[in-house]
Amino acid sequence: MSHGSPCPVINSSSFWTGKPPVYGVCPGVESNGSIKSLPQVKTNASRKELLDYFDNTWTLTEVLFDGLVNEEAYYCRPYHKLRHPMIFYYGHPAVLYINKLRVAGFIERGINPELEQLFETGVD
């Protein structure tokens, strides 16, 4: 698959599925626009601390993918063929969250069984 132009959603405000990496909007974003990982939450964390941590890690993941230059970068397999294409690593965290919510009893069933099976298992 070869694409001459960048994917239209990459590097745009519509790319963010959670909080955008904006100071005062997403936890962990500094006034200079840089983003850092929040410290790992303790087992007795408050709801706000857990939500801030989730928003921060979700945005950090999306910031990484925002660096891909075009749509092709999501689907190309690495030259060594030992890892999945990048699209797997975009879907994998979301599926892990769904599976954990199901196991914990917060939701009864998943959202899309086919995609959940595709993205649930990594190679490590």
N, C-alpha and C. Protein backbone atom coordinates (compact mmCIF):
# COMPACT_ATOMS: atom_id res chain seq x y z
N MET A 1 0.85 -1.16 0.00
CA MET A 1 0.00 0.00 0.00
C MET A 1 0.90 1.22 0.00
N SER A 2 0.67 2.12 -0.91
CA SER A 2 1.48 3.33 -0.97
C SER A 2 0.57 4.54 -1.09
N HIS A 3 0.81 5.51 -0.28
CA HIS A 3 0.01 6.73 -0.28
C HIS A 3 0.94 7.91 -0.46
N GLY A 4 0.62 8.77 -1.39
CA GLY A 4 1.46 9.92 -1.65
C GLY A 4 1.27 11.06 -0.67
N SER A 5 0.10 11.15 -0.05
CA SER A 5 -0.15 12.28 0.85
C SER A 5 -0.42 11.77 2.26
N PRO A 6 -0.13 12.60 3.25
CA PRO A 6 -0.39 12.19 4.63
C PRO A 6 -1.87 11.93 4.86
N CYS A 7 -2.16 11.05 5.78
CA CYS A 7 -3.53 10.78 6.18
C CYS A 7 -4.12 12.07 6.75
N PRO A 8 -5.33 12.46 6.34
CA PRO A 8 -5.87 13.76 6.75
C PRO A 8 -6.09 13.91 8.26
N VAL A 9 -6.25 12.82 9.00
CA VAL A 9 -6.51 12.98 10.43
C VAL A 9 -5.25 13.13 11.26
N ILE A 10 -4.11 12.73 10.73
CA ILE A 10 -2.87 12.83 11.48
C ILE A 10 -2.47 14.29 11.61
N ASN A 11 -1.98 14.65 12.79
CA ASN A 11 -1.52 16.01 13.08
C ASN A 11 -2.64 17.06 12.99
N SER A 12 -3.86 16.67 13.32
CA SER A 12 -4.96 17.64 13.30
C SER A 12 -5.72 17.54 14.62
N SER A 13 -6.53 18.53 14.90
CA SER A 13 -7.28 18.53 16.16
C SER A 13 -8.28 17.38 16.23
N SER A 14 -8.71 16.85 15.10
CA SER A 14 -9.67 15.75 15.11
C SER A 14 -9.00 14.41 15.39
N PHE A 15 -7.67 14.38 15.48
CA PHE A 15 -6.94 13.14 15.73
C PHE A 15 -7.17 12.63 17.15
N TRP A 16 -7.34 13.51 18.11
CA TRP A 16 -7.38 13.13 19.52
C TRP A 16 -8.71 12.49 19.89
N THR A 17 -8.66 11.26 20.40
CA THR A 17 -9.89 10.59 20.83
C THR A 17 -10.18 10.85 22.31
N GLY A 18 -9.19 11.36 23.03
CA GLY A 18 -9.36 11.73 24.43
C GLY A 18 -9.05 13.20 24.58
N LYS A 19 -8.38 13.53 25.65
CA LYS A 19 -8.02 14.94 25.88
C LYS A 19 -6.84 15.32 24.99
N PRO A 20 -6.91 16.47 24.32
CA PRO A 20 -5.78 16.90 23.50
C PRO A 20 -4.61 17.31 24.39
N PRO A 21 -3.38 17.23 23.88
CA PRO A 21 -2.22 17.60 24.68
C PRO A 21 -2.08 19.11 24.81
N VAL A 22 -2.97 19.69 25.60
CA VAL A 22 -3.05 21.14 25.78
C VAL A 22 -2.92 21.44 27.27
N TYR A 23 -2.09 22.42 27.60
CA TYR A 23 -1.89 22.84 28.98
C TYR A 23 -3.22 23.26 29.59
N GLY A 24 -3.51 22.76 30.78
CA GLY A 24 -4.76 23.09 31.46
C GLY A 24 -5.92 22.21 31.06
N VAL A 25 -5.75 21.40 30.01
CA VAL A 25 -6.80 20.49 29.56
C VAL A 25 -6.44 19.06 29.93
N CYS A 26 -5.23 18.65 29.59
CA CYS A 26 -4.78 17.29 29.86
C CYS A 26 -3.75 17.27 30.98
N PRO A 27 -3.94 16.44 31.98
CA PRO A 27 -2.95 16.33 33.05
C PRO A 27 -1.58 15.92 32.49
N GLY A 28 -0.53 16.55 33.01
CA GLY A 28 0.83 16.22 32.58
C GLY A 28 1.37 17.10 31.48
N VAL A 29 0.52 17.96 30.89
CA VAL A 29 0.98 18.87 29.85
C VAL A 29 1.48 20.14 30.53
N GLU A 30 2.71 20.51 30.22
CA GLU A 30 3.35 21.68 30.82
C GLU A 30 2.95 22.95 30.07
N SER A 31 3.21 24.10 30.66
CA SER A 31 2.86 25.39 30.04
C SER A 31 3.64 25.62 28.75
N ASN A 32 4.78 24.95 28.58
CA ASN A 32 5.56 25.09 27.34
C ASN A 32 5.09 24.13 26.24
N GLY A 33 4.03 23.35 26.52
CA GLY A 33 3.47 22.44 25.53
C GLY A 33 4.01 21.02 25.59
N SER A 34 5.04 20.79 26.40
CA SER A 34 5.57 19.42 26.52
C SER A 34 4.64 18.60 27.40
N ILE A 35 4.69 17.29 27.22
CA ILE A 35 3.87 16.39 28.03
C ILE A 35 4.78 15.38 28.71
N LYS A 36 4.48 15.10 29.96
CA LYS A 36 5.25 14.11 30.70
C LYS A 36 4.30 13.11 31.33
N SER A 37 4.81 11.95 31.63
CA SER A 37 4.01 10.92 32.28
C SER A 37 3.82 11.28 33.75
N LEU A 38 2.60 11.13 34.23
CA LEU A 38 2.34 11.34 35.66
C LEU A 38 2.91 10.16 36.44
N PRO A 39 3.24 10.36 37.71
CA PRO A 39 3.71 9.24 38.53
C PRO A 39 2.62 8.17 38.62
N GLN A 40 3.05 6.92 38.72
CA GLN A 40 2.09 5.83 38.84
C GLN A 40 1.21 6.05 40.06
N VAL A 41 -0.09 5.77 39.91
CA VAL A 41 -1.02 5.99 41.02
C VAL A 41 -0.89 4.88 42.06
N LYS A 42 -1.20 5.23 43.28
CA LYS A 42 -1.18 4.27 44.39
C LYS A 42 -2.50 3.50 44.41
N THR A 43 -2.53 2.40 45.13
CA THR A 43 -3.74 1.58 45.18
C THR A 43 -4.90 2.29 45.87
N ASN A 44 -4.61 3.30 46.67
CA ASN A 44 -5.68 4.04 47.35
C ASN A 44 -5.96 5.39 46.67
N ALA A 45 -5.65 5.48 45.39
CA ALA A 45 -5.83 6.73 44.64
C ALA A 45 -7.31 7.13 44.59
N SER A 46 -7.53 8.43 44.52
CA SER A 46 -8.89 8.94 44.39
C SER A 46 -9.38 8.74 42.95
N ARG A 47 -10.66 8.90 42.76
CA ARG A 47 -11.24 8.79 41.41
C ARG A 47 -10.59 9.82 40.47
N LYS A 48 -10.38 11.04 40.96
CA LYS A 48 -9.77 12.09 40.14
C LYS A 48 -8.34 11.71 39.76
N GLU A 49 -7.57 11.18 40.72
CA GLU A 49 -6.19 10.77 40.43
C GLU A 49 -6.16 9.66 39.37
N LEU A 50 -7.07 8.70 39.48
CA LEU A 50 -7.15 7.62 38.49
C LEU A 50 -7.53 8.16 37.12
N LEU A 51 -8.51 9.05 37.08
CA LEU A 51 -8.94 9.62 35.81
C LEU A 51 -7.83 10.48 35.19
N ASP A 52 -7.15 11.28 36.00
CA ASP A 52 -6.03 12.08 35.49
C ASP A 52 -4.94 11.17 34.92
N TYR A 53 -4.64 10.08 35.61
CA TYR A 53 -3.61 9.14 35.14
C TYR A 53 -4.04 8.51 33.82
N PHE A 54 -5.30 8.09 33.74
CA PHE A 54 -5.82 7.51 32.50
C PHE A 54 -5.72 8.53 31.36
N ASP A 55 -6.22 9.75 31.58
CA ASP A 55 -6.19 10.77 30.53
C ASP A 55 -4.76 11.05 30.09
N ASN A 56 -3.83 11.10 31.03
CA ASN A 56 -2.43 11.36 30.71
C ASN A 56 -1.83 10.23 29.86
N THR A 57 -2.03 8.98 30.29
CA THR A 57 -1.44 7.87 29.54
C THR A 57 -2.09 7.71 28.17
N TRP A 58 -3.38 7.96 28.10
CA TRP A 58 -4.08 7.86 26.80
C TRP A 58 -3.54 8.92 25.84
N THR A 59 -3.39 10.14 26.33
CA THR A 59 -2.87 11.22 25.48
C THR A 59 -1.42 10.96 25.10
N LEU A 60 -0.61 10.46 26.01
CA LEU A 60 0.78 10.13 25.67
C LEU A 60 0.84 9.12 24.52
N THR A 61 -0.04 8.12 24.57
CA THR A 61 -0.09 7.13 23.49
C THR A 61 -0.44 7.81 22.17
N GLU A 62 -1.44 8.67 22.20
CA GLU A 62 -1.84 9.34 20.96
C GLU A 62 -0.77 10.31 20.46
N VAL A 63 -0.03 10.93 21.37
CA VAL A 63 1.08 11.81 20.95
C VAL A 63 2.11 11.00 20.18
N LEU A 64 2.40 9.79 20.64
CA LEU A 64 3.34 8.93 19.92
C LEU A 64 2.85 8.66 18.50
N PHE A 65 1.58 8.32 18.36
CA PHE A 65 1.05 8.01 17.04
C PHE A 65 0.89 9.24 16.16
N ASP A 66 0.75 10.40 16.77
CA ASP A 66 0.66 11.64 16.01
C ASP A 66 1.96 11.91 15.25
N GLY A 67 3.05 11.28 15.68
CA GLY A 67 4.33 11.45 15.00
C GLY A 67 4.47 10.65 13.72
N LEU A 68 3.55 9.74 13.45
CA LEU A 68 3.63 8.98 12.19
C LEU A 68 3.32 9.91 11.03
N VAL A 69 4.08 9.78 9.95
CA VAL A 69 4.00 10.76 8.88
C VAL A 69 2.84 10.56 7.92
N ASN A 70 2.35 9.33 7.79
CA ASN A 70 1.24 9.10 6.87
C ASN A 70 0.52 7.81 7.24
N GLU A 71 -0.56 7.55 6.57
CA GLU A 71 -1.38 6.38 6.87
C GLU A 71 -0.60 5.08 6.65
N GLU A 72 0.26 5.05 5.66
CA GLU A 72 1.04 3.85 5.37
C GLU A 72 1.86 3.40 6.57
N ALA A 73 2.34 4.35 7.35
CA ALA A 73 3.16 4.02 8.52
C ALA A 73 2.40 3.16 9.53
N TYR A 74 1.08 3.25 9.55
CA TYR A 74 0.28 2.43 10.46
C TYR A 74 0.25 0.97 10.03
N TYR A 75 0.34 0.70 8.74
CA TYR A 75 0.08 -0.63 8.21
C TYR A 75 1.32 -1.40 7.76
N CYS A 76 2.45 -0.74 7.61
CA CYS A 76 3.68 -1.42 7.17
C CYS A 76 4.21 -2.31 8.28
N ARG A 77 4.55 -3.54 7.92
CA ARG A 77 5.19 -4.43 8.89
C ARG A 77 6.66 -4.05 9.01
N PRO A 78 7.23 -4.18 10.20
CA PRO A 78 8.66 -3.89 10.34
C PRO A 78 9.48 -4.85 9.47
N TYR A 79 10.63 -4.41 9.07
CA TYR A 79 11.46 -5.21 8.17
C TYR A 79 11.81 -6.57 8.77
N HIS A 80 11.93 -6.67 10.10
CA HIS A 80 12.31 -7.93 10.75
C HIS A 80 11.13 -8.87 10.94
N LYS A 81 9.91 -8.38 10.75
CA LYS A 81 8.67 -9.16 10.84
C LYS A 81 8.46 -9.80 12.23
N LEU A 82 9.13 -9.29 13.25
CA LEU A 82 8.99 -9.83 14.59
C LEU A 82 7.90 -9.14 15.40
N ARG A 83 7.43 -8.01 14.92
CA ARG A 83 6.41 -7.25 15.63
C ARG A 83 5.24 -6.96 14.68
N HIS A 84 4.16 -6.52 15.27
CA HIS A 84 2.98 -6.17 14.49
C HIS A 84 3.17 -4.82 13.80
N PRO A 85 2.34 -4.54 12.79
CA PRO A 85 2.32 -3.17 12.25
C PRO A 85 1.86 -2.20 13.35
N MET A 86 2.16 -0.93 13.20
CA MET A 86 1.85 0.07 14.23
C MET A 86 0.37 0.15 14.57
N ILE A 87 -0.51 -0.14 13.62
CA ILE A 87 -1.95 -0.07 13.88
C ILE A 87 -2.34 -0.98 15.04
N PHE A 88 -1.63 -2.10 15.19
CA PHE A 88 -1.90 -2.99 16.32
C PHE A 88 -1.69 -2.26 17.64
N TYR A 89 -0.62 -1.51 17.74
CA TYR A 89 -0.27 -0.83 18.99
C TYR A 89 -1.18 0.37 19.26
N TYR A 90 -1.90 0.82 18.25
CA TYR A 90 -2.90 1.87 18.45
C TYR A 90 -4.17 1.26 19.05
N GLY A 91 -4.57 0.09 18.57
CA GLY A 91 -5.79 -0.56 19.06
C GLY A 91 -5.61 -1.36 20.34
N HIS A 92 -4.40 -1.83 20.59
CA HIS A 92 -4.13 -2.71 21.72
C HIS A 92 -4.50 -2.11 23.09
N PRO A 93 -4.10 -0.87 23.41
CA PRO A 93 -4.47 -0.33 24.73
C PRO A 93 -5.98 -0.23 24.95
N ALA A 94 -6.71 0.16 23.91
CA ALA A 94 -8.17 0.27 24.05
C ALA A 94 -8.79 -1.09 24.36
N VAL A 95 -8.32 -2.12 23.68
CA VAL A 95 -8.84 -3.47 23.92
C VAL A 95 -8.47 -3.95 25.32
N LEU A 96 -7.28 -3.63 25.78
CA LEU A 96 -6.91 -4.01 27.15
C LEU A 96 -7.84 -3.36 28.16
N TYR A 97 -8.17 -2.09 27.95
CA TYR A 97 -9.10 -1.41 28.86
C TYR A 97 -10.47 -2.08 28.84
N ILE A 98 -10.97 -2.40 27.66
CA ILE A 98 -12.28 -3.07 27.54
C ILE A 98 -12.26 -4.41 28.27
N ASN A 99 -11.22 -5.21 28.02
CA ASN A 99 -11.13 -6.53 28.65
C ASN A 99 -11.04 -6.42 30.18
N LYS A 100 -10.27 -5.46 30.68
CA LYS A 100 -10.15 -5.29 32.13
C LYS A 100 -11.47 -4.83 32.75
N LEU A 101 -12.19 -3.94 32.07
CA LEU A 101 -13.49 -3.49 32.56
C LEU A 101 -14.49 -4.65 32.60
N ARG A 102 -14.41 -5.54 31.60
CA ARG A 102 -15.29 -6.71 31.56
C ARG A 102 -14.96 -7.66 32.70
N VAL A 103 -13.69 -7.98 32.88
CA VAL A 103 -13.26 -8.90 33.94
C VAL A 103 -13.64 -8.36 35.32
N ALA A 104 -13.52 -7.05 35.50
CA ALA A 104 -13.85 -6.43 36.79
C ALA A 104 -15.35 -6.30 37.02
N GLY A 105 -16.15 -6.58 35.99
CA GLY A 105 -17.60 -6.52 36.13
C GLY A 105 -18.21 -5.14 35.94
N PHE A 106 -17.42 -4.19 35.42
CA PHE A 106 -17.95 -2.85 35.18
C PHE A 106 -18.79 -2.77 33.91
N ILE A 107 -18.49 -3.64 32.96
CA ILE A 107 -19.31 -3.75 31.75
C ILE A 107 -19.60 -5.23 31.51
N GLU A 108 -20.74 -5.52 30.89
CA GLU A 108 -21.14 -6.91 30.67
C GLU A 108 -20.46 -7.55 29.47
N ARG A 109 -20.33 -6.78 28.40
CA ARG A 109 -19.73 -7.34 27.18
C ARG A 109 -18.88 -6.28 26.50
N GLY A 110 -18.08 -6.75 25.59
CA GLY A 110 -17.20 -5.85 24.86
C GLY A 110 -17.96 -5.01 23.85
N ILE A 111 -17.22 -4.33 23.02
CA ILE A 111 -17.80 -3.43 22.03
C ILE A 111 -17.82 -4.07 20.65
N ASN A 112 -16.71 -4.71 20.28
CA ASN A 112 -16.59 -5.35 18.98
C ASN A 112 -15.72 -6.59 19.14
N PRO A 113 -16.34 -7.77 19.29
CA PRO A 113 -15.57 -8.99 19.56
C PRO A 113 -14.48 -9.28 18.52
N GLU A 114 -14.75 -8.99 17.27
CA GLU A 114 -13.77 -9.25 16.22
C GLU A 114 -12.51 -8.40 16.41
N LEU A 115 -12.69 -7.10 16.65
CA LEU A 115 -11.54 -6.22 16.87
C LEU A 115 -10.85 -6.53 18.20
N GLU A 116 -11.63 -6.88 19.20
CA GLU A 116 -11.04 -7.21 20.50
C GLU A 116 -10.14 -8.44 20.40
N GLN A 117 -10.55 -9.42 19.61
CA GLN A 117 -9.71 -10.60 19.42
C GLN A 117 -8.46 -10.25 18.62
N LEU A 118 -8.62 -9.42 17.61
CA LEU A 118 -7.49 -9.02 16.76
C LEU A 118 -6.43 -8.25 17.55
N PHE A 119 -6.85 -7.35 18.42
CA PHE A 119 -5.91 -6.46 19.11
C PHE A 119 -5.52 -6.90 20.53
N GLU A 120 -6.07 -8.03 21.03
CA GLU A 120 -5.82 -8.36 22.43
C GLU A 120 -4.44 -8.94 22.71
N THR A 121 -3.86 -9.69 21.81
CA THR A 121 -2.62 -10.41 22.10
C THR A 121 -1.45 -9.86 21.32
N GLY A 122 -0.41 -9.48 22.05
CA GLY A 122 0.81 -8.99 21.42
C GLY A 122 1.80 -10.11 21.20
N VAL A 123 3.02 -9.75 20.84
CA VAL A 123 4.05 -10.75 20.58
C VAL A 123 5.08 -10.82 21.70
N ASP A 124 4.98 -9.93 22.68
CA ASP A 124 5.96 -9.97 23.76
C ASP A 124 5.45 -10.82 24.90
